[in-house]
Amino acid sequence: MSETILLSGRSNVLESVFSPPLALDPRKVHYIGLVEFVTFNAVPNINKSNQVFCYGPEKKELIIPKGAYEITAIEKFLQSKLGPENLTLQANNSTLRCLIKCSEDIHFDQPRSIGRLLGFLPKRLSAGEEHESELPVNIISVNIIRVECNIATGSYINGAVAHTIFAFSPNVPPGYKMALSPRTIIYNRINTTSIDRLRISIVDQDGKPVDFGGETVTVRLHIKTIANSDG
C-alpha cells in the first residue's frame, strides 16, 4: 500500500475525515511521513504583547500593527509616524544588536513595549543619542516549527512521547514563501489500522500553536506499508 494525503487550510490545525475509514492491513506495518510543507512565513513577531513604541515627555504611544516584521520594516513604520529625520533604527549584523536614535526620549520600560524584541532592557533612552541594545535582537519569535500527526508514534520531546513527524527552523525572512521537502523522509509508525480522522497540528518549540497570520498552509503526507517481519 502507498497512499498520498494532502491537507490544506488557514489554521495551525489541519484535518481530514475519511468516510468510509481508510483501512490498513493489520498483517503489515504502516508508516507515515511528511513529503512537503508549504506556506508563507507570516508568523507574527509583533502582537498585542509587544506592539507599543512609547516616546516623548508625555509618553505617547505608537501601536505597531500585528505582523511579521524585519528591522527595516519596523523602522519604516516608525518613520512614517515620526518622520525619518526624527528616528533611525538599524541592526548591527556584527554584534546582532540594534542601534536606535530618536529626537525624543524612548520609554522601553512601559507595558507591551517593543523594546525586548529590539534587544533593549526595560529603561528610558535619552533623546538625541544613539543607543545600542544590551541583548541580541529577538526578531524571530518561533525558532522551531513542529508538525504533529495524531496517528503517528515513535517520536519523543525531552523524553516524553510525542507525535512529531517533521521539525524545522524557518529558513526564509518574514513575508517569504516557505516550501520544504525533506531530502530523506523520516517515517513514523502508524498507531492504528483504521484511519477515520487525520489531524495535523503545527506548534512551536514550546508546543504552542503557530499563528501563520491567515496564510494558507499545505501539508503533503505519504503512507507506506512493509511486510511484518514478525509474521
C-alpha atoms as a PDB file:
ATOM      1  CA  MET A   1       0.000   0.000   0.000  1.00  0.00           C
ATOM      2  CA  SER A   2       1.190   3.504  -0.819  1.00  0.00           C
ATOM      3  CA  GLU A   3      -1.073   6.496  -0.304  1.00  0.00           C
ATOM      4  CA  THR A   4      -0.511  10.244  -0.596  1.00  0.00           C
ATOM      5  CA  ILE A   5      -2.647  12.586   1.512  1.00  0.00           C
ATOM      6  CA  LEU A   6      -2.820  16.362   1.067  1.00  0.00           C
ATOM      7  CA  LEU A   7      -4.235  18.702   3.696  1.00  0.00           C
ATOM      8  CA  SER A   8      -4.629  22.468   3.300  1.00  0.00           C
ATOM      9  CA  GLY A   9      -6.135  25.280   5.333  1.00  0.00           C
ATOM     10  CA  ARG A  10      -5.612  28.646   7.011  1.00  0.00           C
ATOM     11  CA  SER A  11      -5.042  27.379  10.519  1.00  0.00           C
ATOM     12  CA  ASN A  12      -2.392  25.664  12.585  1.00  0.00           C
ATOM     13  CA  VAL A  13      -4.701  22.624  12.708  1.00  0.00           C
ATOM     14  CA  LEU A  14      -5.486  20.692   9.510  1.00  0.00           C
ATOM     15  CA  GLU A  15      -7.928  17.803   9.493  1.00  0.00           C
ATOM     16  CA  SER A  16      -9.153  15.234   7.019  1.00  0.00           C
ATOM     17  CA  VAL A  17     -12.112  12.914   7.675  1.00  0.00           C
ATOM     18  CA  PHE A  18     -12.269   9.596   5.831  1.00  0.00           C
ATOM     19  CA  SER A  19     -15.697   8.147   5.138  1.00  0.00           C
ATOM     20  CA  PRO A  20     -15.547   5.253   4.974  1.00  0.00           C
ATOM     21  CA  PRO A  21     -12.402   4.969   7.130  1.00  0.00           C
ATOM     22  CA  LEU A  22      -9.130   4.161   5.403  1.00  0.00           C
ATOM     23  CA  ALA A  23      -8.457   0.525   6.283  1.00  0.00           C
ATOM     24  CA  LEU A  24      -4.876  -0.635   6.800  1.00  0.00           C
ATOM     25  CA  ASP A  25      -3.904  -4.288   6.536  1.00  0.00           C
ATOM     26  CA  PRO A  26      -3.358  -5.466  10.155  1.00  0.00           C
ATOM     27  CA  ARG A  27      -0.903  -8.107   8.917  1.00  0.00           C
ATOM     28  CA  LYS A  28       1.512  -5.412   7.773  1.00  0.00           C
ATOM     29  CA  VAL A  29       3.325  -2.447   9.310  1.00  0.00           C
ATOM     30  CA  HIS A  30       2.321   1.037   8.188  1.00  0.00           C
ATOM     31  CA  TYR A  31       4.291   4.268   8.368  1.00  0.00           C
ATOM     32  CA  ILE A  32       3.580   7.924   7.670  1.00  0.00           C
ATOM     33  CA  GLY A  33       5.997  10.674   6.689  1.00  0.00           C
ATOM     34  CA  LEU A  34       5.912  14.278   5.547  1.00  0.00           C
ATOM     35  CA  VAL A  35       6.671  14.844   1.873  1.00  0.00           C
ATOM     36  CA  GLU A  36       6.080  18.594   1.600  1.00  0.00           C
ATOM     37  CA  PHE A  37       5.243  21.598   3.774  1.00  0.00           C
ATOM     38  CA  VAL A  38       4.289  24.880   2.070  1.00  0.00           C
ATOM     39  CA  THR A  39       3.180  28.262   3.433  1.00  0.00           C
ATOM     40  CA  PHE A  40       4.369  31.856   3.776  1.00  0.00           C
ATOM     41  CA  ASN A  41       6.483  32.982   6.704  1.00  0.00           C
ATOM     42  CA  ALA A  42       3.796  35.254   8.118  1.00  0.00           C
ATOM     43  CA  VAL A  43       4.317  34.171  11.728  1.00  0.00           C
ATOM     44  CA  PRO A  44       3.840  37.435  13.660  1.00  0.00           C
ATOM     45  CA  ASN A  45       6.749  38.619  15.767  1.00  0.00           C
ATOM     46  CA  ILE A  46       4.787  41.712  16.794  1.00  0.00           C
ATOM     47  CA  ASN A  47       1.455  41.226  18.522  1.00  0.00           C
ATOM     48  CA  LYS A  48      -0.562  42.703  21.384  1.00  0.00           C
ATOM     49  CA  SER A  49       2.153  41.748  23.878  1.00  0.00           C
ATOM     50  CA  ASN A  50       4.940  43.858  22.304  1.00  0.00           C
ATOM     51  CA  GLN A  51       3.413  46.335  19.827  1.00  0.00           C
ATOM     52  CA  VAL A  52       3.893  49.609  21.743  1.00  0.00           C
ATOM     53  CA  PHE A  53       6.545  52.205  20.972  1.00  0.00           C
ATOM     54  CA  CYS A  54       6.395  54.825  23.745  1.00  0.00           C
ATOM     55  CA  TYR A  55       8.203  58.149  23.393  1.00  0.00           C
ATOM     56  CA  GLY A  56       8.395  61.784  24.490  1.00  0.00           C
ATOM     57  CA  PRO A  57       7.819  63.503  27.853  1.00  0.00           C
ATOM     58  CA  GLU A  58       4.103  62.700  27.684  1.00  0.00           C
ATOM     59  CA  LYS A  59       4.851  59.041  26.951  1.00  0.00           C
ATOM     60  CA  LYS A  60       2.901  58.995  23.724  1.00  0.00           C
ATOM     61  CA  GLU A  61       2.211  55.537  22.313  1.00  0.00           C
ATOM     62  CA  LEU A  62       2.518  54.301  18.765  1.00  0.00           C
ATOM     63  CA  ILE A  63       0.761  50.978  18.212  1.00  0.00           C
ATOM     64  CA  ILE A  64       2.556  48.842  15.636  1.00  0.00           C
ATOM     65  CA  PRO A  65       0.063  46.614  13.778  1.00  0.00           C
ATOM     66  CA  LYS A  66       0.337  42.883  14.360  1.00  0.00           C
ATOM     67  CA  GLY A  67       2.520  41.255  11.737  1.00  0.00           C
ATOM     68  CA  ALA A  68       5.800  39.672  10.695  1.00  0.00           C
ATOM     69  CA  TYR A  69       8.476  42.371  10.585  1.00  0.00           C
ATOM     70  CA  GLU A  70      12.145  42.736   9.838  1.00  0.00           C
ATOM     71  CA  ILE A  71      14.090  45.599  11.450  1.00  0.00           C
ATOM     72  CA  THR A  72      13.838  47.670   8.269  1.00  0.00           C
ATOM     73  CA  ALA A  73      10.052  47.299   8.244  1.00  0.00           C
ATOM     74  CA  ILE A  74       9.806  48.406  11.887  1.00  0.00           C
ATOM     75  CA  GLU A  75      11.947  51.434  11.110  1.00  0.00           C
ATOM     76  CA  LYS A  76       9.799  52.285   8.076  1.00  0.00           C
ATOM     77  CA  PHE A  77       6.616  52.186  10.148  1.00  0.00           C
ATOM     78  CA  LEU A  78       8.036  54.337  12.960  1.00  0.00           C
ATOM     79  CA  GLN A  79       9.486  56.845  10.481  1.00  0.00           C
ATOM     80  CA  SER A  80       6.096  57.118   8.779  1.00  0.00           C
ATOM     81  CA  LYS A  81       4.686  58.377  12.091  1.00  0.00           C
ATOM     82  CA  LEU A  82       7.627  60.341  13.495  1.00  0.00           C
ATOM     83  CA  GLY A  83       9.454  61.408  10.327  1.00  0.00           C
ATOM     84  CA  PRO A  84      12.724  59.919   9.016  1.00  0.00           C
ATOM     85  CA  GLU A  85      14.636  62.880  10.383  1.00  0.00           C
ATOM     86  CA  ASN A  86      13.475  62.080  13.920  1.00  0.00           C
ATOM     87  CA  LEU A  87      14.244  58.367  14.179  1.00  0.00           C
ATOM     88  CA  THR A  88      16.727  55.830  12.857  1.00  0.00           C
ATOM     89  CA  LEU A  89      16.740  52.120  13.605  1.00  0.00           C
ATOM     90  CA  GLN A  90      19.163  49.566  12.271  1.00  0.00           C
ATOM     91  CA  ALA A  91      20.643  46.177  13.063  1.00  0.00           C
ATOM     92  CA  ASN A  92      24.333  45.721  13.742  1.00  0.00           C
ATOM     93  CA  ASN A  93      24.982  42.494  11.838  1.00  0.00           C
ATOM     94  CA  SER A  94      28.345  42.029  13.552  1.00  0.00           C
ATOM     95  CA  THR A  95      27.018  42.043  17.117  1.00  0.00           C
ATOM     96  CA  LEU A  96      23.400  41.008  16.333  1.00  0.00           C
ATOM     97  CA  ARG A  97      22.312  44.012  18.365  1.00  0.00           C
ATOM     98  CA  CYS A  98      20.187  47.015  17.460  1.00  0.00           C
ATOM     99  CA  LEU A  99      21.052  50.710  17.117  1.00  0.00           C
ATOM    100  CA  ILE A 100      18.367  53.336  17.650  1.00  0.00           C
ATOM    101  CA  LYS A 101      18.313  57.123  17.773  1.00  0.00           C
ATOM    102  CA  CYS A 102      15.289  59.341  18.326  1.00  0.00           C
ATOM    103  CA  SER A 103      14.728  63.080  18.678  1.00  0.00           C
ATOM    104  CA  GLU A 104      12.654  62.333  21.805  1.00  0.00           C
ATOM    105  CA  ASP A 105      13.126  60.086  24.827  1.00  0.00           C
ATOM    106  CA  ILE A 106      12.179  56.450  24.243  1.00  0.00           C
ATOM    107  CA  HIS A 107      10.436  54.592  27.058  1.00  0.00           C
ATOM    108  CA  PHE A 108      11.166  50.897  26.749  1.00  0.00           C
ATOM    109  CA  ASP A 109      10.125  50.479  30.385  1.00  0.00           C
ATOM    110  CA  GLN A 110       6.408  50.719  29.593  1.00  0.00           C
ATOM    111  CA  PRO A 111       3.937  47.808  29.305  1.00  0.00           C
ATOM    112  CA  ARG A 112       3.773  45.932  25.995  1.00  0.00           C
ATOM    113  CA  SER A 113       6.923  47.661  24.773  1.00  0.00           C
ATOM    114  CA  ILE A 114       8.673  46.608  21.582  1.00  0.00           C
ATOM    115  CA  GLY A 115      11.959  47.135  23.378  1.00  0.00           C
ATOM    116  CA  ARG A 116      12.647  43.490  24.216  1.00  0.00           C
ATOM    117  CA  LEU A 117      12.172  42.424  20.603  1.00  0.00           C
ATOM    118  CA  LEU A 118      14.805  45.004  19.678  1.00  0.00           C
ATOM    119  CA  GLY A 119      17.135  43.720  22.404  1.00  0.00           C
ATOM    120  CA  PHE A 120      16.720  46.558  24.912  1.00  0.00           C
ATOM    121  CA  LEU A 121      16.258  46.167  28.641  1.00  0.00           C
ATOM    122  CA  PRO A 122      13.257  47.974  30.236  1.00  0.00           C
ATOM    123  CA  LYS A 123      14.516  51.535  30.615  1.00  0.00           C
ATOM    124  CA  ARG A 124      14.347  55.073  29.232  1.00  0.00           C
ATOM    125  CA  LEU A 125      16.670  56.064  26.390  1.00  0.00           C
ATOM    126  CA  SER A 126      17.735  59.695  26.201  1.00  0.00           C
ATOM    127  CA  ALA A 127      16.769  61.816  23.209  1.00  0.00           C
ATOM    128  CA  GLY A 128      19.303  62.716  20.525  1.00  0.00           C
ATOM    129  CA  GLU A 129      21.746  59.912  21.348  1.00  0.00           C
ATOM    130  CA  GLU A 130      22.434  56.670  19.525  1.00  0.00           C
ATOM    131  CA  HIS A 131      21.801  53.664  21.758  1.00  0.00           C
ATOM    132  CA  GLU A 132      22.871  50.060  21.234  1.00  0.00           C
ATOM    133  CA  SER A 133      20.762  47.268  22.676  1.00  0.00           C
ATOM    134  CA  GLU A 134      22.134  45.256  25.570  1.00  0.00           C
ATOM    135  CA  LEU A 135      20.859  41.968  24.135  1.00  0.00           C
ATOM    136  CA  PRO A 136      20.696  40.440  20.648  1.00  0.00           C
ATOM    137  CA  VAL A 137      17.681  41.352  18.554  1.00  0.00           C
ATOM    138  CA  ASN A 138      14.833  38.884  19.159  1.00  0.00           C
ATOM    139  CA  ILE A 139      13.225  39.303  15.747  1.00  0.00           C
ATOM    140  CA  ILE A 140      12.411  35.591  15.341  1.00  0.00           C
ATOM    141  CA  SER A 141       9.593  34.585  17.668  1.00  0.00           C
ATOM    142  CA  VAL A 142       9.469  30.946  16.505  1.00  0.00           C
ATOM    143  CA  ASN A 143      12.770  29.053  16.389  1.00  0.00           C
ATOM    144  CA  ILE A 144      11.426  25.600  15.594  1.00  0.00           C
ATOM    145  CA  ILE A 145       8.222  24.544  13.851  1.00  0.00           C
ATOM    146  CA  ARG A 146       6.991  21.045  14.651  1.00  0.00           C
ATOM    147  CA  VAL A 147       4.437  19.149  12.570  1.00  0.00           C
ATOM    148  CA  GLU A 148       2.410  16.798  14.765  1.00  0.00           C
ATOM    149  CA  CYS A 149       0.236  13.963  13.436  1.00  0.00           C
ATOM    150  CA  ASN A 150      -2.355  12.235  15.612  1.00  0.00           C
ATOM    151  CA  ILE A 151      -1.818   8.771  14.105  1.00  0.00           C
ATOM    152  CA  ALA A 152       1.995   8.810  14.266  1.00  0.00           C
ATOM    153  CA  THR A 153       4.070   7.280  17.021  1.00  0.00           C
ATOM    154  CA  GLY A 154       7.762   6.785  17.726  1.00  0.00           C
ATOM    155  CA  SER A 155       8.968  10.320  18.460  1.00  0.00           C
ATOM    156  CA  TYR A 156       9.985  11.942  21.745  1.00  0.00           C
ATOM    157  CA  ILE A 157      10.383  15.515  23.017  1.00  0.00           C
ATOM    158  CA  ASN A 158      12.688  15.791  26.038  1.00  0.00           C
ATOM    159  CA  GLY A 159      11.970  12.170  26.859  1.00  0.00           C
ATOM    160  CA  ALA A 160       8.192  12.471  26.590  1.00  0.00           C
ATOM    161  CA  VAL A 161       6.162  10.622  23.947  1.00  0.00           C
ATOM    162  CA  ALA A 162       5.194  12.909  21.060  1.00  0.00           C
ATOM    163  CA  HIS A 163       3.576  12.698  17.621  1.00  0.00           C
ATOM    164  CA  THR A 164       6.130  14.793  15.702  1.00  0.00           C
ATOM    165  CA  ILE A 165       6.721  13.734  12.106  1.00  0.00           C
ATOM    166  CA  PHE A 166       8.764  16.756  10.999  1.00  0.00           C
ATOM    167  CA  ALA A 167      10.584  19.668  12.634  1.00  0.00           C
ATOM    168  CA  PHE A 168      12.466  22.568  11.054  1.00  0.00           C
ATOM    169  CA  SER A 169      13.656  26.128  11.547  1.00  0.00           C
ATOM    170  CA  PRO A 170      12.039  28.827   9.374  1.00  0.00           C
ATOM    171  CA  ASN A 171      14.545  29.333   6.568  1.00  0.00           C
ATOM    172  CA  VAL A 172      13.212  32.496   4.916  1.00  0.00           C
ATOM    173  CA  PRO A 173      12.638  36.068   6.139  1.00  0.00           C
ATOM    174  CA  PRO A 174       9.162  37.265   7.155  1.00  0.00           C
ATOM    175  CA  GLY A 175       6.793  37.539   4.195  1.00  0.00           C
ATOM    176  CA  TYR A 176       8.591  34.991   2.006  1.00  0.00           C
ATOM    177  CA  LYS A 177       7.320  31.608   0.844  1.00  0.00           C
ATOM    178  CA  MET A 178       8.408  28.533   2.791  1.00  0.00           C
ATOM    179  CA  ALA A 179       8.461  25.348   0.719  1.00  0.00           C
ATOM    180  CA  LEU A 180      10.161  22.409   2.376  1.00  0.00           C
ATOM    181  CA  SER A 181      10.623  18.908   1.006  1.00  0.00           C
ATOM    182  CA  PRO A 182      12.902  16.748   3.156  1.00  0.00           C
ATOM    183  CA  ARG A 183      15.627  15.026   1.172  1.00  0.00           C
ATOM    184  CA  THR A 184      15.194  11.965   3.344  1.00  0.00           C
ATOM    185  CA  ILE A 185      11.667  11.376   4.611  1.00  0.00           C
ATOM    186  CA  ILE A 186      11.520  10.175   8.197  1.00  0.00           C
ATOM    187  CA  TYR A 187       8.678   7.709   8.571  1.00  0.00           C
ATOM    188  CA  ASN A 188       6.854   7.204  11.863  1.00  0.00           C
ATOM    189  CA  ARG A 189       4.836   4.110  12.599  1.00  0.00           C
ATOM    190  CA  ILE A 190       1.059   4.494  12.406  1.00  0.00           C
ATOM    191  CA  ASN A 191      -0.725   3.627  15.647  1.00  0.00           C
ATOM    192  CA  THR A 192      -3.996   2.359  14.130  1.00  0.00           C
ATOM    193  CA  THR A 193      -5.283   0.009  11.430  1.00  0.00           C
ATOM    194  CA  SER A 194      -8.284   2.176  10.536  1.00  0.00           C
ATOM    195  CA  ILE A 195      -7.950   5.897   9.819  1.00  0.00           C
ATOM    196  CA  ASP A 196     -11.201   7.818  10.139  1.00  0.00           C
ATOM    197  CA  ARG A 197      -9.707  11.183  11.081  1.00  0.00           C
ATOM    198  CA  LEU A 198      -6.262  12.530  10.294  1.00  0.00           C
ATOM    199  CA  ARG A 199      -5.222  15.588  12.271  1.00  0.00           C
ATOM    200  CA  ILE A 200      -2.123  17.727  11.729  1.00  0.00           C
ATOM    201  CA  SER A 201      -1.160  20.256  14.404  1.00  0.00           C
ATOM    202  CA  ILE A 202       1.608  22.799  13.838  1.00  0.00           C
ATOM    203  CA  VAL A 203       3.327  24.006  17.004  1.00  0.00           C
ATOM    204  CA  ASP A 204       6.488  25.828  18.009  1.00  0.00           C
ATOM    205  CA  GLN A 205       9.464  24.700  20.089  1.00  0.00           C
ATOM    206  CA  ASP A 206       7.380  25.076  23.265  1.00  0.00           C
ATOM    207  CA  GLY A 207       4.383  23.181  21.925  1.00  0.00           C
ATOM    208  CA  LYS A 208       2.351  26.365  21.405  1.00  0.00           C
ATOM    209  CA  PRO A 209       0.156  26.712  18.264  1.00  0.00           C
ATOM    210  CA  VAL A 210       1.873  28.631  15.469  1.00  0.00           C
ATOM    211  CA  ASP A 211      -0.038  31.608  14.079  1.00  0.00           C
ATOM    212  CA  PHE A 212       0.532  31.856  10.318  1.00  0.00           C
ATOM    213  CA  GLY A 213      -1.331  35.155  10.026  1.00  0.00           C
ATOM    214  CA  GLY A 214      -4.157  33.676   7.966  1.00  0.00           C
ATOM    215  CA  GLU A 215      -1.871  32.355   5.245  1.00  0.00           C
ATOM    216  CA  THR A 216      -2.684  29.006   3.628  1.00  0.00           C
ATOM    217  CA  VAL A 217      -0.738  26.029   4.964  1.00  0.00           C
ATOM    218  CA  THR A 218      -0.401  22.919   2.810  1.00  0.00           C
ATOM    219  CA  VAL A 219       0.970  19.596   4.012  1.00  0.00           C
ATOM    220  CA  ARG A 220       1.504  16.502   1.854  1.00  0.00           C
ATOM    221  CA  LEU A 221       1.937  13.148   3.562  1.00  0.00           C
ATOM    222  CA  HIS A 222       2.888   9.680   2.393  1.00  0.00           C
ATOM    223  CA  ILE A 223       1.777   6.369   3.872  1.00  0.00           C
ATOM    224  CA  LYS A 224       3.925   3.350   3.109  1.00  0.00           C
ATOM    225  CA  THR A 225       3.494  -0.269   4.050  1.00  0.00           C
ATOM    226  CA  ILE A 226       6.029  -3.026   4.629  1.00  0.00           C
ATOM    227  CA  ALA A 227       5.643  -6.674   5.468  1.00  0.00           C
ATOM    228  CA  ASN A 228       5.524  -7.515   9.164  1.00  0.00           C
ATOM    229  CA  SER A 229       8.731  -9.365   9.964  1.00  0.00           C
ATOM    230  CA  ASP A 230       7.032 -10.896  12.987  1.00  0.00           C
ATOM    231  CA  GLY A 231       4.831 -12.852  10.651  1.00  0.00           C
END
